[in-house]
Amino acid sequence: MCCQSSISQMKTQGKGKIINISSVAAFTGGGNFIHYVTSKGGILSFTRGLAAEVGRYGICVNSIAPV
């Protein structure tokens, strides 16, 4: 929802940066916390899709994955 509310202003400006926070767990997986791993993997996919969608407006979308 934060991305959605910010993108219209960024489009008007012709630039912007969005940083999503994921986790290294999205890459490594792990037992007993599949709900967490799945949600962090979803953030990575969301970031890729959003970057493809809004990149033409000068909006850069990245994700960081702390340990």
Protein backbone atom coordinates (compact mmCIF):
# COMPACT_ATOMS: atom_id res chain seq x y z
CA MET A 1 0.00 0.00 0.00
CA CYS A 2 2.94 2.34 0.66
CA CYS A 3 4.27 1.72 -2.85
CA GLN A 4 0.86 2.26 -4.39
CA SER A 5 0.34 5.58 -2.63
CA SER A 6 3.81 6.87 -3.58
CA ILE A 7 4.00 5.84 -7.23
CA SER A 8 1.63 8.48 -8.60
CA GLN A 9 3.76 11.28 -7.11
CA MET A 10 6.94 9.62 -8.40
CA LYS A 11 5.44 9.36 -11.89
CA THR A 12 4.66 13.09 -11.79
CA GLN A 13 8.26 13.84 -10.75
CA GLY A 14 9.65 11.51 -13.39
CA LYS A 15 11.83 9.74 -10.84
CA GLY A 16 11.81 7.93 -7.53
CA LYS A 17 13.27 5.12 -5.48
CA ILE A 18 11.49 2.34 -3.63
CA ILE A 19 13.37 -0.01 -1.30
CA ASN A 20 11.64 -3.13 0.00
CA ILE A 21 13.04 -5.18 2.88
CA SER A 22 13.22 -8.95 2.46
CA SER A 23 15.54 -11.45 4.15
CA VAL A 24 18.32 -13.82 3.21
CA ALA A 25 15.91 -16.54 4.34
CA ALA A 26 14.11 -16.08 1.01
CA PHE A 27 17.20 -17.52 -0.69
CA THR A 28 18.20 -20.17 1.84
CA GLY A 29 14.81 -21.50 2.94
CA GLY A 30 14.58 -23.33 6.20
CA GLY A 31 12.34 -25.60 8.18
CA ASN A 32 9.86 -24.70 10.88
CA PHE A 33 9.25 -21.17 9.62
CA ILE A 34 7.89 -21.70 6.12
CA HIS A 35 5.40 -18.84 6.54
CA TYR A 36 8.28 -16.38 7.06
CA VAL A 37 10.35 -17.73 4.14
CA THR A 38 7.31 -17.60 1.86
CA SER A 39 6.47 -14.00 2.75
CA LYS A 40 10.05 -12.86 2.16
CA GLY A 41 10.13 -14.67 -1.20
CA GLY A 42 6.91 -12.87 -2.08
CA ILE A 43 8.60 -9.54 -1.41
CA LEU A 44 11.36 -10.43 -3.86
CA SER A 45 8.86 -11.35 -6.57
CA PHE A 46 6.82 -8.22 -5.87
CA THR A 47 9.97 -6.10 -6.17
CA ARG A 48 10.89 -7.62 -9.55
CA GLY A 49 7.39 -7.19 -10.91
CA LEU A 50 7.04 -3.62 -9.67
CA ALA A 51 10.45 -2.68 -11.09
CA ALA A 52 9.40 -3.97 -14.50
CA GLU A 53 6.13 -2.05 -14.31
CA VAL A 54 7.35 1.37 -13.15
CA GLY A 55 10.92 1.48 -14.47
CA ARG A 56 9.81 3.32 -17.60
CA TYR A 57 8.75 6.23 -15.37
CA GLY A 58 12.23 6.63 -13.91
CA ILE A 59 11.34 4.80 -10.71
CA CYS A 60 14.00 2.43 -9.35
CA VAL A 61 12.74 -0.47 -7.22
CA ASN A 62 15.14 -2.59 -5.15
CA SER A 63 15.04 -4.99 -2.25
CA ILE A 64 17.58 -5.50 0.51
CA ALA A 65 17.96 -8.85 2.26
CA PRO A 66 19.62 -8.53 5.68
CA VAL A 67 20.86 -11.65 7.43
